[in-house]
Amino acid sequence: MAPFSFIKTSILIFAYLFLWYQINDHHQV
């Protein structure tokens, strides 16, 4: 059984990084 907290944090970080990348890409263009 994998720790749910770790999975939740991983998803949150991934979503945050994805959003930041999208905003950065938009700003560059």
PDB file of N, CA and C in Angstrom:
ATOM      1  N   MET A   1       0.845  -1.199   0.000  1.00  0.00           N
ATOM      2  CA  MET A   1       0.000   0.000   0.000  1.00  0.00           C
ATOM      3  C   MET A   1       0.883   1.254   0.000  1.00  0.00           C
ATOM      4  N   ALA A   2       0.805   2.023  -1.046  1.00  0.00           N
ATOM      5  CA  ALA A   2       1.627   3.233  -1.136  1.00  0.00           C
ATOM      6  C   ALA A   2       0.991   4.368  -0.335  1.00  0.00           C
ATOM      7  N   PRO A   3       1.813   5.217   0.256  1.00  0.00           N
ATOM      8  CA  PRO A   3       1.301   6.340   1.056  1.00  0.00           C
ATOM      9  C   PRO A   3       0.490   7.302   0.188  1.00  0.00           C
ATOM     10  N   PHE A   4      -0.753   7.515   0.575  1.00  0.00           N
ATOM     11  CA  PHE A   4      -1.638   8.401  -0.183  1.00  0.00           C
ATOM     12  C   PHE A   4      -1.116   9.834  -0.160  1.00  0.00           C
ATOM     13  N   SER A   5      -0.517  10.226   0.973  1.00  0.00           N
ATOM     14  CA  SER A   5      -0.005  11.592   1.111  1.00  0.00           C
ATOM     15  C   SER A   5       1.067  11.862   0.060  1.00  0.00           C
ATOM     16  N   PHE A   6       1.953  10.889  -0.135  1.00  0.00           N
ATOM     17  CA  PHE A   6       3.029  11.053  -1.121  1.00  0.00           C
ATOM     18  C   PHE A   6       2.461  11.213  -2.529  1.00  0.00           C
ATOM     19  N   ILE A   7       1.445  10.411  -2.842  1.00  0.00           N
ATOM     20  CA  ILE A   7       0.824  10.479  -4.170  1.00  0.00           C
ATOM     21  C   ILE A   7       0.149  11.838  -4.355  1.00  0.00           C
ATOM     22  N   LYS A   8      -0.559  12.286  -3.328  1.00  0.00           N
ATOM     23  CA  LYS A   8      -1.258  13.570  -3.395  1.00  0.00           C
ATOM     24  C   LYS A   8      -0.262  14.703  -3.624  1.00  0.00           C
ATOM     25  N   THR A   9       0.841  14.676  -2.878  1.00  0.00           N
ATOM     26  CA  THR A   9       1.853  15.725  -3.005  1.00  0.00           C
ATOM     27  C   THR A   9       2.484  15.686  -4.393  1.00  0.00           C
ATOM     28  N   SER A  10       2.745  14.476  -4.887  1.00  0.00           N
ATOM     29  CA  SER A  10       3.368  14.325  -6.209  1.00  0.00           C
ATOM     30  C   SER A  10       2.466  14.915  -7.293  1.00  0.00           C
ATOM     31  N   ILE A  11       1.172  14.630  -7.201  1.00  0.00           N
ATOM     32  CA  ILE A  11       0.225  15.143  -8.193  1.00  0.00           C
ATOM     33  C   ILE A  11       0.158  16.663  -8.117  1.00  0.00           C
ATOM     34  N   LEU A  12       0.158  17.196  -6.893  1.00  0.00           N
ATOM     35  CA  LEU A  12       0.085  18.645  -6.704  1.00  0.00           C
ATOM     36  C   LEU A  12       1.299  19.321  -7.322  1.00  0.00           C
ATOM     37  N   ILE A  13       2.482  18.778  -7.048  1.00  0.00           N
ATOM     38  CA  ILE A  13       3.716  19.354  -7.589  1.00  0.00           C
ATOM     39  C   ILE A  13       3.707  19.264  -9.117  1.00  0.00           C
ATOM     40  N   PHE A  14       3.274  18.131  -9.653  1.00  0.00           N
ATOM     41  CA  PHE A  14       3.233  17.939 -11.102  1.00  0.00           C
ATOM     42  C   PHE A  14       2.287  18.953 -11.750  1.00  0.00           C
ATOM     43  N   ALA A  15       1.113  19.137 -11.151  1.00  0.00           N
ATOM     44  CA  ALA A  15       0.137  20.082 -11.691  1.00  0.00           C
ATOM     45  C   ALA A  15       0.687  21.506 -11.636  1.00  0.00           C
ATOM     46  N   TYR A  16       1.355  21.843 -10.521  1.00  0.00           N
ATOM     47  CA  TYR A  16       1.909  23.189 -10.352  1.00  0.00           C
ATOM     48  C   TYR A  16       2.986  23.453 -11.397  1.00  0.00           C
ATOM     49  N   LEU A  17       3.868  22.458 -11.595  1.00  0.00           N
ATOM     50  CA  LEU A  17       4.943  22.604 -12.582  1.00  0.00           C
ATOM     51  C   LEU A  17       4.358  22.726 -13.988  1.00  0.00           C
ATOM     52  N   PHE A  18       3.339  21.937 -14.284  1.00  0.00           N
ATOM     53  CA  PHE A  18       2.706  21.980 -15.601  1.00  0.00           C
ATOM     54  C   PHE A  18       2.091  23.355 -15.857  1.00  0.00           C
ATOM     55  N   LEU A  19       1.386  23.884 -14.841  1.00  0.00           N
ATOM     56  CA  LEU A  19       0.757  25.195 -14.966  1.00  0.00           C
ATOM     57  C   LEU A  19       1.817  26.269 -15.168  1.00  0.00           C
ATOM     58  N   TRP A  20       2.900  26.201 -14.369  1.00  0.00           N
ATOM     59  CA  TRP A  20       3.981  27.187 -14.478  1.00  0.00           C
ATOM     60  C   TRP A  20       4.612  27.127 -15.860  1.00  0.00           C
ATOM     61  N   TYR A  21       4.805  25.927 -16.388  1.00  0.00           N
ATOM     62  CA  TYR A  21       5.395  25.757 -17.715  1.00  0.00           C
ATOM     63  C   TYR A  21       4.483  26.368 -18.784  1.00  0.00           C
ATOM     64  N   GLN A  22       3.189  26.161 -18.636  1.00  0.00           N
ATOM     65  CA  GLN A  22       2.231  26.697 -19.604  1.00  0.00           C
ATOM     66  C   GLN A  22       2.274  28.225 -19.593  1.00  0.00           C
ATOM     67  N   ILE A  23       2.282  28.823 -18.395  1.00  0.00           N
ATOM     68  CA  ILE A  23       2.302  30.285 -18.271  1.00  0.00           C
ATOM     69  C   ILE A  23       3.606  30.829 -18.842  1.00  0.00           C
ATOM     70  N   ASN A  24       4.719  30.165 -18.541  1.00  0.00           N
ATOM     71  CA  ASN A  24       6.026  30.602 -19.032  1.00  0.00           C
ATOM     72  C   ASN A  24       6.047  30.557 -20.555  1.00  0.00           C
ATOM     73  N   ASP A  25       5.488  29.487 -21.123  1.00  0.00           N
ATOM     74  CA  ASP A  25       5.458  29.329 -22.570  1.00  0.00           C
ATOM     75  C   ASP A  25       4.631  30.449 -23.200  1.00  0.00           C
ATOM     76  N   HIS A  26       3.506  30.778 -22.591  1.00  0.00           N
ATOM     77  CA  HIS A  26       2.645  31.832 -23.106  1.00  0.00           C
ATOM     78  C   HIS A  26       3.353  33.179 -23.057  1.00  0.00           C
ATOM     79  N   HIS A  27       4.096  33.413 -21.989  1.00  0.00           N
ATOM     80  CA  HIS A  27       4.802  34.681 -21.836  1.00  0.00           C
ATOM     81  C   HIS A  27       5.917  34.806 -22.873  1.00  0.00           C
ATOM     82  N   GLN A  28       6.594  33.692 -23.148  1.00  0.00           N
ATOM     83  CA  GLN A  28       7.681  33.717 -24.125  1.00  0.00           C
ATOM     84  C   GLN A  28       7.130  34.014 -25.519  1.00  0.00           C
ATOM     85  N   VAL A  29       5.975  33.453 -25.834  1.00  0.00           N
ATOM     86  CA  VAL A  29       5.369  33.658 -27.156  1.00  0.00           C
ATOM     87  C   VAL A  29       4.613  34.985 -27.138  1.00  0.00           C
TER      88      VAL A  29
END
